[in-house]
């Protein structure tokens, strides 16, 4: 994120739990799947300014629909690439106050959120 007009630097982070039903099909070492479920988590937004540092937390809940592929490297390890759309049922709006007393929004959860998944899968 870029600095605001008042010089503050905002930052955001999400921590989620995503219970979802997944249906897949295997093609040798490659597995393709689709999923539908929900995402419940915490959205943490922090703003670092010259004389004040603020942090705010927001509980997020969204419905999700997605698709992805896994490439098996071994029986326990795989690489994953996926994309999903989330429909937030709770939307956080984060703002800051200017010296004039006006409130400016620097981050707002959108009505539809696209998420790209890249990662390593470990089967326990």
Protein backbone atom coordinates (compact mmCIF):
# COMPACT_ATOMS: atom_id res chain seq x y z
CA UNK A 1 0.00 0.00 0.00
CA UNK A 2 1.18 3.54 -0.67
CA UNK A 3 1.46 6.34 1.91
CA UNK A 4 -1.65 8.42 2.60
CA UNK A 5 -1.82 12.19 2.05
CA UNK A 6 -0.80 12.73 5.69
CA UNK A 7 2.32 10.54 5.25
CA UNK A 8 1.01 7.44 7.07
CA UNK A 9 1.91 4.03 5.65
CA UNK A 10 -0.96 1.48 5.93
CA UNK A 11 -0.48 -2.30 5.91
CA UNK A 12 -3.04 -5.16 5.86
CA UNK A 13 -2.92 -8.89 6.70
CA UNK A 14 -5.52 -11.67 6.70
CA UNK A 15 -5.56 -14.84 8.81
CA UNK A 16 -8.32 -17.24 7.70
CA UNK A 17 -9.86 -20.61 8.40
CA UNK A 18 -11.49 -21.99 5.25
CA UNK A 19 -13.76 -25.01 5.66
CA UNK A 20 -14.79 -25.95 2.12
CA UNK A 21 -16.18 -28.94 0.25
CA UNK A 22 -13.75 -30.02 -2.45
CA UNK A 23 -14.42 -32.30 -5.44
CA UNK A 24 -11.49 -33.36 -7.59
CA UNK A 25 -10.28 -35.52 -10.42
CA UNK A 26 -6.81 -37.00 -10.85
CA UNK A 27 -4.86 -37.14 -14.11
CA UNK A 28 -1.70 -39.03 -13.10
CA UNK A 29 0.44 -36.70 -10.94
CA UNK A 30 -1.91 -33.75 -11.62
CA UNK A 31 -5.12 -33.25 -9.65
CA UNK A 32 -7.77 -30.66 -10.56
CA UNK A 33 -10.48 -29.67 -8.09
CA UNK A 34 -13.34 -27.26 -7.48
CA UNK A 35 -14.49 -26.10 -4.09
CA UNK A 36 -17.26 -24.18 -2.35
CA UNK A 37 -17.37 -23.14 1.27
CA UNK A 38 -16.72 -20.28 3.62
CA UNK A 39 -13.87 -18.20 4.93
CA UNK A 40 -13.81 -17.02 8.54
CA UNK A 41 -10.93 -14.92 9.74
CA UNK A 42 -9.37 -11.75 10.96
CA UNK A 43 -8.40 -8.78 8.84
CA UNK A 44 -5.73 -6.69 10.57
CA UNK A 45 -4.95 -3.21 9.28
CA UNK A 46 -2.14 -1.09 10.70
CA UNK A 47 -1.14 2.48 9.97
CA UNK A 48 2.33 3.81 10.80
CA UNK A 49 2.67 7.58 10.93
CA UNK A 50 5.07 10.24 12.19
CA UNK A 51 3.69 10.50 15.72
CA UNK A 52 1.08 7.74 15.99
CA UNK A 53 0.80 4.05 15.12
CA UNK A 54 -2.70 2.54 14.98
CA UNK A 55 -3.88 -1.05 14.55
CA UNK A 56 -7.44 -2.23 13.95
CA UNK A 57 -8.90 -5.75 13.67
CA UNK A 58 -12.05 -6.79 11.86
CA UNK A 59 -13.77 -10.20 11.85
CA UNK A 60 -14.31 -11.30 8.25
CA UNK A 61 -16.78 -13.88 6.96
CA UNK A 62 -17.21 -14.74 3.26
CA UNK A 63 -18.63 -17.40 0.97
CA UNK A 64 -16.04 -18.79 -1.45
CA UNK A 65 -16.04 -20.61 -4.78
CA UNK A 66 -12.86 -21.70 -6.51
CA UNK A 67 -10.81 -24.06 -8.60
CA UNK A 68 -7.22 -25.23 -8.49
CA UNK A 69 -4.63 -27.77 -9.53
CA UNK A 70 -2.06 -29.77 -7.56
CA UNK A 71 1.04 -31.39 -9.01
CA UNK A 72 2.26 -34.31 -6.87
CA UNK A 73 6.02 -34.30 -6.28
CA UNK A 74 5.90 -37.35 -3.98
CA UNK A 75 3.17 -39.22 -2.06
CA UNK A 76 3.25 -36.53 0.69
CA UNK A 77 4.27 -33.33 -1.15
CA UNK A 78 2.58 -31.34 -3.93
CA UNK A 79 2.64 -27.88 -5.51
CA UNK A 80 -0.68 -26.00 -5.63
CA UNK A 81 -2.04 -23.26 -7.89
CA UNK A 82 -5.60 -22.06 -7.49
CA UNK A 83 -7.97 -19.14 -7.86
CA UNK A 84 -11.17 -18.38 -6.03
CA UNK A 85 -13.82 -15.71 -5.65
CA UNK A 86 -15.04 -14.63 -2.23
CA UNK A 87 -18.30 -12.85 -1.44
CA UNK A 88 -17.73 -11.06 1.89
CA UNK A 89 -20.80 -11.02 4.14
CA UNK A 90 -19.03 -8.60 6.50
CA UNK A 91 -17.05 -5.77 4.92
CA UNK A 92 -14.49 -3.75 6.82
CA UNK A 93 -13.93 -0.06 6.16
CA UNK A 94 -10.76 1.50 7.58
CA UNK A 95 -10.17 5.24 7.64
CA UNK A 96 -7.89 7.86 9.15
CA UNK A 97 -8.50 11.39 10.35
CA UNK A 98 -6.84 14.39 8.77
CA UNK A 99 -5.80 17.52 10.66
CA UNK A 100 -8.85 19.30 9.17
CA UNK A 101 -11.11 16.79 10.97
CA UNK A 102 -12.14 15.01 7.75
CA UNK A 103 -12.14 11.18 7.63
CA UNK A 104 -10.45 9.52 4.62
CA UNK A 105 -10.91 5.85 3.72
CA UNK A 106 -7.62 4.08 2.94
CA UNK A 107 -8.89 0.49 2.79
CA UNK A 108 -12.32 -1.04 2.16
CA UNK A 109 -13.20 -4.69 1.52
CA UNK A 110 -14.74 -4.98 -1.95
CA UNK A 111 -18.07 -6.78 -2.65
CA UNK A 112 -16.27 -9.54 -4.60
CA UNK A 113 -12.67 -10.49 -3.82
CA UNK A 114 -10.41 -12.56 -6.11
CA UNK A 115 -7.73 -14.67 -4.38
CA UNK A 116 -4.78 -16.37 -6.09
CA UNK A 117 -3.44 -19.44 -4.26
CA UNK A 118 0.19 -20.50 -4.67
CA UNK A 119 1.72 -22.99 -2.28
CA UNK A 120 3.12 -26.27 -1.14
CA UNK A 121 0.77 -29.04 0.07
CA UNK A 122 1.90 -31.50 2.75
CA UNK A 123 -0.24 -34.61 3.29
CA UNK A 124 0.10 -35.83 6.89
